[in-house]
Every structure is written in C-alpha cells, then in structure tokens.
C-alpha cells in the first residue's frame, strides 16, 4: 500500500518537467545561469522564434529560484 501511494504521488508531481540542456551551463560556466538560459531558449522556440514576454518573477517562480539566485544567473547575459 505504501509503495502504491508513493508511486501515485510521484506520478502526480512529475506532470510539468523542465528540460535542462547541459550545454548552456557549460557555455555560462554556471548551473543556475545555464538553467535560466535553457528555459529562455525553450520559450523562444515555443513562441515560434518571436518576441515573448515573461517577467523576472515569472521565470524565477517557474525555475524555483530565489531573487538573488535569479539576479546572479541573469548577470551572465542580457535578457
């Protein structure tokens, strides 16, 4: 019973994965900056390579980053 409950809980939690492209961390030399860049690139292609609008807060919440963690990640490039 416990294994079934755990399995069901994990299945429910795994609904919206965020793809992480390791190459972006290698480019930025930072795991958090690479994660942010990976997500920016994802949204760029999801919006058919056109401008899109997302706030810093939206990105930070989506990636579960704190304010200072997000600001530091953002320093690696201009978005």
PDB file of N, CA and C in Angstrom:
ATOM      1  N   UNK A   1       0.821  -1.203   0.000  1.00  0.00           N
ATOM      2  CA  UNK A   1       0.000   0.000   0.000  1.00  0.00           C
ATOM      3  C   UNK A   1       0.859   1.259   0.000  1.00  0.00           C
ATOM      4  N   UNK A   2       1.876   1.297   0.835  1.00  0.00           N
ATOM      5  CA  UNK A   2       2.742   2.469   0.908  1.00  0.00           C
ATOM      6  C   UNK A   2       3.437   2.715  -0.426  1.00  0.00           C
ATOM      7  N   UNK A   3       3.922   1.648  -1.060  1.00  0.00           N
ATOM      8  CA  UNK A   3       4.582   1.803  -2.360  1.00  0.00           C
ATOM      9  C   UNK A   3       3.625   2.329  -3.423  1.00  0.00           C
ATOM     10  N   UNK A   4       2.378   1.885  -3.380  1.00  0.00           N
ATOM     11  CA  UNK A   4       1.382   2.371  -4.342  1.00  0.00           C
ATOM     12  C   UNK A   4       1.104   3.859  -4.119  1.00  0.00           C
ATOM     13  N   UNK A   5       0.989   4.273  -2.859  1.00  0.00           N
ATOM     14  CA  UNK A   5       0.750   5.682  -2.541  1.00  0.00           C
ATOM     15  C   UNK A   5       1.927   6.543  -2.987  1.00  0.00           C
ATOM     16  N   UNK A   6       3.138   6.075  -2.720  1.00  0.00           N
ATOM     17  CA  UNK A   6       4.338   6.802  -3.120  1.00  0.00           C
ATOM     18  C   UNK A   6       4.429   6.896  -4.637  1.00  0.00           C
ATOM     19  N   UNK A   7       4.156   5.796  -5.302  1.00  0.00           N
ATOM     20  CA  UNK A   7       4.184   5.767  -6.766  1.00  0.00           C
ATOM     21  C   UNK A   7       3.164   6.743  -7.346  1.00  0.00           C
ATOM     22  N   UNK A   8       1.966   6.761  -6.795  1.00  0.00           N
ATOM     23  CA  UNK A   8       0.931   7.673  -7.276  1.00  0.00           C
ATOM     24  C   UNK A   8       1.335   9.130  -7.015  1.00  0.00           C
ATOM     25  N   UNK A   9       1.884   9.420  -5.856  1.00  0.00           N
ATOM     26  CA  UNK A   9       2.311  10.774  -5.526  1.00  0.00           C
ATOM     27  C   UNK A   9       3.407  11.240  -6.483  1.00  0.00           C
ATOM     28  N   UNK A  10       4.393  10.392  -6.742  1.00  0.00           N
ATOM     29  CA  UNK A  10       5.470  10.755  -7.659  1.00  0.00           C
ATOM     30  C   UNK A  10       4.947  10.986  -9.068  1.00  0.00           C
ATOM     31  N   UNK A  11       4.006  10.188  -9.483  1.00  0.00           N
ATOM     32  CA  UNK A  11       3.414  10.347 -10.817  1.00  0.00           C
ATOM     33  C   UNK A  11       2.702  11.693 -10.924  1.00  0.00           C
ATOM     34  N   UNK A  12       1.989  12.095  -9.881  1.00  0.00           N
ATOM     35  CA  UNK A  12       1.293  13.381  -9.885  1.00  0.00           C
ATOM     36  C   UNK A  12       2.264  14.559  -9.866  1.00  0.00           C
ATOM     37  N   UNK A  13       3.363  14.426  -9.153  1.00  0.00           N
ATOM     38  CA  UNK A  13       4.342  15.505  -9.058  1.00  0.00           C
ATOM     39  C   UNK A  13       5.145  15.689 -10.339  1.00  0.00           C
ATOM     40  N   UNK A  14       5.189  14.697 -11.176  1.00  0.00           N
ATOM     41  CA  UNK A  14       6.025  14.714 -12.376  1.00  0.00           C
ATOM     42  C   UNK A  14       5.246  15.149 -13.616  1.00  0.00           C
ATOM     43  N   UNK A  15       4.323  16.091 -13.472  1.00  0.00           N
ATOM     44  CA  UNK A  15       3.481  16.495 -14.586  1.00  0.00           C
ATOM     45  C   UNK A  15       4.107  17.544 -15.500  1.00  0.00           C
ATOM     46  N   UNK A  16       4.916  18.455 -14.954  1.00  0.00           N
ATOM     47  CA  UNK A  16       5.466  19.542 -15.764  1.00  0.00           C
ATOM     48  C   UNK A  16       6.990  19.591 -15.631  1.00  0.00           C
ATOM     49  N   UNK A  17       7.692  18.686 -16.272  1.00  0.00           N
ATOM     50  CA  UNK A  17       9.152  18.729 -16.170  1.00  0.00           C
ATOM     51  C   UNK A  17       9.725  19.912 -16.951  1.00  0.00           C
ATOM     52  N   UNK A  18      10.857  20.405 -16.485  1.00  0.00           N
ATOM     53  CA  UNK A  18      11.577  21.464 -17.187  1.00  0.00           C
ATOM     54  C   UNK A  18      12.828  20.837 -17.769  1.00  0.00           C
ATOM     55  N   UNK A  19      12.948  20.913 -19.075  1.00  0.00           N
ATOM     56  CA  UNK A  19      14.121  20.335 -19.734  1.00  0.00           C
ATOM     57  C   UNK A  19      15.332  21.214 -19.450  1.00  0.00           C
ATOM     58  N   UNK A  20      16.413  20.581 -19.135  1.00  0.00           N
ATOM     59  CA  UNK A  20      17.652  21.295 -18.842  1.00  0.00           C
ATOM     60  C   UNK A  20      18.695  20.830 -19.845  1.00  0.00           C
ATOM     61  N   UNK A  21      19.241  21.781 -20.594  1.00  0.00           N
ATOM     62  CA  UNK A  21      20.270  21.460 -21.572  1.00  0.00           C
ATOM     63  C   UNK A  21      21.642  21.773 -20.972  1.00  0.00           C
ATOM     64  N   UNK A  22      22.413  20.758 -20.701  1.00  0.00           N
ATOM     65  CA  UNK A  22      23.706  20.891 -20.035  1.00  0.00           C
ATOM     66  C   UNK A  22      24.673  21.837 -20.765  1.00  0.00           C
ATOM     67  N   UNK A  23      24.566  21.911 -22.071  1.00  0.00           N
ATOM     68  CA  UNK A  23      25.474  22.751 -22.852  1.00  0.00           C
ATOM     69  C   UNK A  23      25.389  24.207 -22.420  1.00  0.00           C
ATOM     70  N   UNK A  24      24.206  24.653 -21.983  1.00  0.00           N
ATOM     71  CA  UNK A  24      24.055  26.046 -21.564  1.00  0.00           C
ATOM     72  C   UNK A  24      24.799  26.327 -20.258  1.00  0.00           C
ATOM     73  N   UNK A  25      24.877  25.361 -19.380  1.00  0.00           N
ATOM     74  CA  UNK A  25      25.676  25.516 -18.159  1.00  0.00           C
ATOM     75  C   UNK A  25      27.158  25.544 -18.527  1.00  0.00           C
ATOM     76  N   UNK A  26      27.545  24.772 -19.509  1.00  0.00           N
ATOM     77  CA  UNK A  26      28.936  24.784 -19.960  1.00  0.00           C
ATOM     78  C   UNK A  26      29.271  26.139 -20.598  1.00  0.00           C
ATOM     79  N   UNK A  27      28.349  26.692 -21.363  1.00  0.00           N
ATOM     80  CA  UNK A  27      28.570  27.989 -22.007  1.00  0.00           C
ATOM     81  C   UNK A  27      28.692  29.095 -20.962  1.00  0.00           C
ATOM     82  N   UNK A  28      27.787  29.098 -19.981  1.00  0.00           N
ATOM     83  CA  UNK A  28      27.763  30.166 -18.980  1.00  0.00           C
ATOM     84  C   UNK A  28      28.699  29.891 -17.803  1.00  0.00           C
ATOM     85  N   UNK A  29      29.188  28.671 -17.693  1.00  0.00           N
ATOM     86  CA  UNK A  29      30.030  28.254 -16.564  1.00  0.00           C
ATOM     87  C   UNK A  29      29.271  28.362 -15.239  1.00  0.00           C
ATOM     88  N   UNK A  30      27.956  28.184 -15.299  1.00  0.00           N
ATOM     89  CA  UNK A  30      27.108  28.288 -14.113  1.00  0.00           C
ATOM     90  C   UNK A  30      25.883  27.402 -14.291  1.00  0.00           C
ATOM     91  N   UNK A  31      25.582  26.618 -13.279  1.00  0.00           N
ATOM     92  CA  UNK A  31      24.410  25.754 -13.335  1.00  0.00           C
ATOM     93  C   UNK A  31      23.129  26.584 -13.387  1.00  0.00           C
ATOM     94  N   UNK A  32      22.992  27.584 -12.503  1.00  0.00           N
ATOM     95  CA  UNK A  32      21.764  28.379 -12.473  1.00  0.00           C
ATOM     96  C   UNK A  32      21.607  29.231 -13.734  1.00  0.00           C
ATOM     97  N   UNK A  33      22.693  29.817 -14.208  1.00  0.00           N
ATOM     98  CA  UNK A  33      22.618  30.600 -15.443  1.00  0.00           C
ATOM     99  C   UNK A  33      22.293  29.686 -16.621  1.00  0.00           C
ATOM    100  N   UNK A  34      22.842  28.491 -16.627  1.00  0.00           N
ATOM    101  CA  UNK A  34      22.550  27.533 -17.689  1.00  0.00           C
ATOM    102  C   UNK A  34      21.101  27.092 -17.665  1.00  0.00           C
ATOM    103  N   UNK A  35      20.555  26.908 -16.472  1.00  0.00           N
ATOM    104  CA  UNK A  35      19.148  26.537 -16.342  1.00  0.00           C
ATOM    105  C   UNK A  35      18.250  27.660 -16.853  1.00  0.00           C
ATOM    106  N   UNK A  36      18.575  28.881 -16.489  1.00  0.00           N
ATOM    107  CA  UNK A  36      17.803  30.030 -16.968  1.00  0.00           C
ATOM    108  C   UNK A  36      17.911  30.168 -18.485  1.00  0.00           C
ATOM    109  N   UNK A  37      19.107  30.068 -19.010  1.00  0.00           N
ATOM    110  CA  UNK A  37      19.290  30.172 -20.464  1.00  0.00           C
ATOM    111  C   UNK A  37      18.542  29.053 -21.187  1.00  0.00           C
ATOM    112  N   UNK A  38      18.581  27.877 -20.646  1.00  0.00           N
ATOM    113  CA  UNK A  38      17.858  26.754 -21.231  1.00  0.00           C
ATOM    114  C   UNK A  38      16.361  27.052 -21.304  1.00  0.00           C
ATOM    115  N   UNK A  39      15.829  27.665 -20.263  1.00  0.00           N
ATOM    116  CA  UNK A  39      14.406  27.988 -20.233  1.00  0.00           C
ATOM    117  C   UNK A  39      14.070  29.137 -21.186  1.00  0.00           C
ATOM    118  N   UNK A  40      14.960  30.114 -21.293  1.00  0.00           N
ATOM    119  CA  UNK A  40      14.752  31.217 -22.242  1.00  0.00           C
ATOM    120  C   UNK A  40      14.719  30.669 -23.667  1.00  0.00           C
ATOM    121  N   UNK A  41      15.639  29.779 -23.987  1.00  0.00           N
ATOM    122  CA  UNK A  41      15.673  29.178 -25.324  1.00  0.00           C
ATOM    123  C   UNK A  41      14.418  28.347 -25.565  1.00  0.00           C
ATOM    124  N   UNK A  42      13.989  27.612 -24.549  1.00  0.00           N
ATOM    125  CA  UNK A  42      12.745  26.837 -24.674  1.00  0.00           C
ATOM    126  C   UNK A  42      11.581  27.747 -25.061  1.00  0.00           C
ATOM    127  N   UNK A  43      11.415  28.861 -24.323  1.00  0.00           N
ATOM    128  CA  UNK A  43      10.294  29.761 -24.603  1.00  0.00           C
ATOM    129  C   UNK A  43      10.432  30.437 -25.965  1.00  0.00           C
ATOM    130  N   UNK A  44      11.658  30.725 -26.369  1.00  0.00           N
ATOM    131  CA  UNK A  44      11.892  31.322 -27.688  1.00  0.00           C
ATOM    132  C   UNK A  44      11.322  30.414 -28.789  1.00  0.00           C
ATOM    133  N   UNK A  45      11.640  29.134 -28.706  1.00  0.00           N
ATOM    134  CA  UNK A  45      11.142  28.205 -29.724  1.00  0.00           C
ATOM    135  C   UNK A  45       9.661  27.888 -29.523  1.00  0.00           C
ATOM    136  N   UNK A  46       9.192  27.856 -28.273  1.00  0.00           N
ATOM    137  CA  UNK A  46       7.772  27.609 -28.017  1.00  0.00           C
ATOM    138  C   UNK A  46       6.906  28.733 -28.574  1.00  0.00           C
ATOM    139  N   UNK A  47       7.456  29.931 -28.641  1.00  0.00           N
ATOM    140  CA  UNK A  47       6.741  31.099 -29.190  1.00  0.00           C
ATOM    141  C   UNK A  47       7.074  31.322 -30.662  1.00  0.00           C
ATOM    142  N   UNK A  48       7.545  30.270 -31.298  1.00  0.00           N
ATOM    143  CA  UNK A  48       7.840  30.271 -32.740  1.00  0.00           C
ATOM    144  C   UNK A  48       8.866  31.330 -33.141  1.00  0.00           C
ATOM    145  N   UNK A  49       9.910  31.440 -32.317  1.00  0.00           N
ATOM    146  CA  UNK A  49      11.040  32.317 -32.589  1.00  0.00           C
ATOM    147  C   UNK A  49      10.637  33.780 -32.762  1.00  0.00           C
ATOM    148  N   UNK A  50       9.681  34.193 -31.957  1.00  0.00           N
ATOM    149  CA  UNK A  50       9.271  35.595 -31.931  1.00  0.00           C
ATOM    150  C   UNK A  50       9.443  36.124 -30.509  1.00  0.00           C
ATOM    151  N   UNK A  51       9.367  37.422 -30.376  1.00  0.00           N
ATOM    152  CA  UNK A  51       9.484  38.014 -29.047  1.00  0.00           C
ATOM    153  C   UNK A  51       8.413  37.442 -28.132  1.00  0.00           C
ATOM    154  N   UNK A  52       8.765  37.296 -26.878  1.00  0.00           N
ATOM    155  CA  UNK A  52       7.785  36.852 -25.886  1.00  0.00           C
ATOM    156  C   UNK A  52       8.015  37.649 -24.618  1.00  0.00           C
ATOM    157  N   UNK A  53       7.010  37.712 -23.794  1.00  0.00           N
ATOM    158  CA  UNK A  53       7.090  38.499 -22.578  1.00  0.00           C
ATOM    159  C   UNK A  53       6.914  37.600 -21.369  1.00  0.00           C
ATOM    160  N   UNK A  54       7.924  37.580 -20.530  1.00  0.00           N
ATOM    161  CA  UNK A  54       7.857  36.884 -19.244  1.00  0.00           C
ATOM    162  C   UNK A  54       8.601  37.766 -18.250  1.00  0.00           C
ATOM    163  N   UNK A  55       8.028  37.951 -17.101  1.00  0.00           N
ATOM    164  CA  UNK A  55       8.685  38.769 -16.088  1.00  0.00           C
ATOM    165  C   UNK A  55       9.786  37.968 -15.402  1.00  0.00           C
ATOM    166  N   UNK A  56      10.679  38.700 -14.750  1.00  0.00           N
ATOM    167  CA  UNK A  56      11.708  38.042 -13.944  1.00  0.00           C
ATOM    168  C   UNK A  56      11.051  37.159 -12.895  1.00  0.00           C
ATOM    169  N   UNK A  57      10.006  37.684 -12.279  1.00  0.00           N
ATOM    170  CA  UNK A  57       9.302  36.915 -11.247  1.00  0.00           C
ATOM    171  C   UNK A  57       8.737  35.615 -11.812  1.00  0.00           C
ATOM    172  N   UNK A  58       8.192  35.692 -13.024  1.00  0.00           N
ATOM    173  CA  UNK A  58       7.627  34.508 -13.667  1.00  0.00           C
ATOM    174  C   UNK A  58       8.707  33.449 -13.911  1.00  0.00           C
ATOM    175  N   UNK A  59       9.855  33.882 -14.447  1.00  0.00           N
ATOM    176  CA  UNK A  59      10.961  32.947 -14.658  1.00  0.00           C
ATOM    177  C   UNK A  59      11.455  32.376 -13.326  1.00  0.00           C
ATOM    178  N   UNK A  60      11.627  33.239 -12.325  1.00  0.00           N
ATOM    179  CA  UNK A  60      12.134  32.791 -11.028  1.00  0.00           C
ATOM    180  C   UNK A  60      11.194  31.770 -10.398  1.00  0.00           C
ATOM    181  N   UNK A  61       9.897  32.019 -10.466  1.00  0.00           N
ATOM    182  CA  UNK A  61       8.919  31.073  -9.912  1.00  0.00           C
ATOM    183  C   UNK A  61       8.919  29.766 -10.694  1.00  0.00           C
ATOM    184  N   UNK A  62       8.973  29.880 -12.010  1.00  0.00           N
ATOM    185  CA  UNK A  62       8.965  28.698 -12.876  1.00  0.00           C
ATOM    186  C   UNK A  62      10.159  27.788 -12.571  1.00  0.00           C
ATOM    187  N   UNK A  63      11.303  28.403 -12.291  1.00  0.00           N
ATOM    188  CA  UNK A  63      12.540  27.652 -12.053  1.00  0.00           C
ATOM    189  C   UNK A  63      12.825  27.440 -10.567  1.00  0.00           C
ATOM    190  N   UNK A  64      11.940  27.934  -9.710  1.00  0.00           N
ATOM    191  CA  UNK A  64      12.071  27.827  -8.260  1.00  0.00           C
ATOM    192  C   UNK A  64      13.407  28.402  -7.786  1.00  0.00           C
ATOM    193  N   UNK A  65      13.698  29.614  -8.257  1.00  0.00           N
ATOM    194  CA  UNK A  65      14.916  30.329  -7.858  1.00  0.00           C
ATOM    195  C   UNK A  65      14.535  31.482  -6.938  1.00  0.00           C
ATOM    196  N   UNK A  66      15.382  31.750  -5.962  1.00  0.00           N
ATOM    197  CA  UNK A  66      15.208  32.920  -5.120  1.00  0.00           C
ATOM    198  C   UNK A  66      15.617  34.165  -5.886  1.00  0.00           C
ATOM    199  N   UNK A  67      15.290  35.340  -5.326  1.00  0.00           N
ATOM    200  CA  UNK A  67      15.584  36.599  -6.009  1.00  0.00           C
ATOM    201  C   UNK A  67      17.073  36.783  -6.299  1.00  0.00           C
ATOM    202  N   UNK A  68      17.917  36.579  -5.299  1.00  0.00           N
ATOM    203  CA  UNK A  68      19.357  36.791  -5.518  1.00  0.00           C
ATOM    204  C   UNK A  68      19.927  35.717  -6.444  1.00  0.00           C
ATOM    205  N   UNK A  69      19.435  34.515  -6.329  1.00  0.00           N
ATOM    206  CA  UNK A  69      19.888  33.431  -7.211  1.00  0.00           C
ATOM    207  C   UNK A  69      19.540  33.758  -8.666  1.00  0.00           C
ATOM    208  N   UNK A  70      18.325  34.278  -8.874  1.00  0.00           N
ATOM    209  CA  UNK A  70      17.897  34.644 -10.219  1.00  0.00           C
ATOM    210  C   UNK A  70      18.724  35.812 -10.757  1.00  0.00           C
ATOM    211  N   UNK A  71      18.914  36.854  -9.937  1.00  0.00           N
ATOM    212  CA  UNK A  71      19.712  38.007 -10.373  1.00  0.00           C
ATOM    213  C   UNK A  71      21.123  37.590 -10.755  1.00  0.00           C
ATOM    214  N   UNK A  72      21.732  36.715  -9.957  1.00  0.00           N
ATOM    215  CA  UNK A  72      23.086  36.241 -10.272  1.00  0.00           C
ATOM    216  C   UNK A  72      23.103  35.444 -11.572  1.00  0.00           C
ATOM    217  N   UNK A  73      22.097  34.624 -11.788  1.00  0.00           N
ATOM    218  CA  UNK A  73      22.022  33.846 -13.030  1.00  0.00           C
ATOM    219  C   UNK A  73      21.865  34.768 -14.232  1.00  0.00           C
ATOM    220  N   UNK A  74      21.113  35.818 -14.058  1.00  0.00           N
ATOM    221  CA  UNK A  74      20.824  36.747 -15.148  1.00  0.00           C
ATOM    222  C   UNK A  74      22.040  37.591 -15.528  1.00  0.00           C
ATOM    223  N   UNK A  75      23.007  37.739 -14.637  1.00  0.00           N
ATOM    224  CA  UNK A  75      24.203  38.544 -14.906  1.00  0.00           C
ATOM    225  C   UNK A  75      25.052  37.984 -16.035  1.00  0.00           C
ATOM    226  N   UNK A  76      24.885  36.721 -16.381  1.00  0.00           N
ATOM    227  CA  UNK A  76      25.728  36.085 -17.382  1.00  0.00           C
ATOM    228  C   UNK A  76      25.402  36.522 -18.801  1.00  0.00           C
ATOM    229  N   UNK A  77      24.239  37.116 -19.002  1.00  0.00           N
ATOM    230  CA  UNK A  77      23.840  37.581 -20.323  1.00  0.00           C
ATOM    231  C   UNK A  77      22.689  38.554 -20.159  1.00  0.00           C
ATOM    232  N   UNK A  78      22.427  39.304 -21.167  1.00  0.00           N
ATOM    233  CA  UNK A  78      21.333  40.263 -21.115  1.00  0.00           C
ATOM    234  C   UNK A  78      20.070  39.624 -21.689  1.00  0.00           C
ATOM    235  N   UNK A  79      19.008  39.652 -20.875  1.00  0.00           N
ATOM    236  CA  UNK A  79      17.719  39.180 -21.390  1.00  0.00           C
ATOM    237  C   UNK A  79      16.731  40.313 -21.270  1.00  0.00           C
TER     238      UNK A  79
END
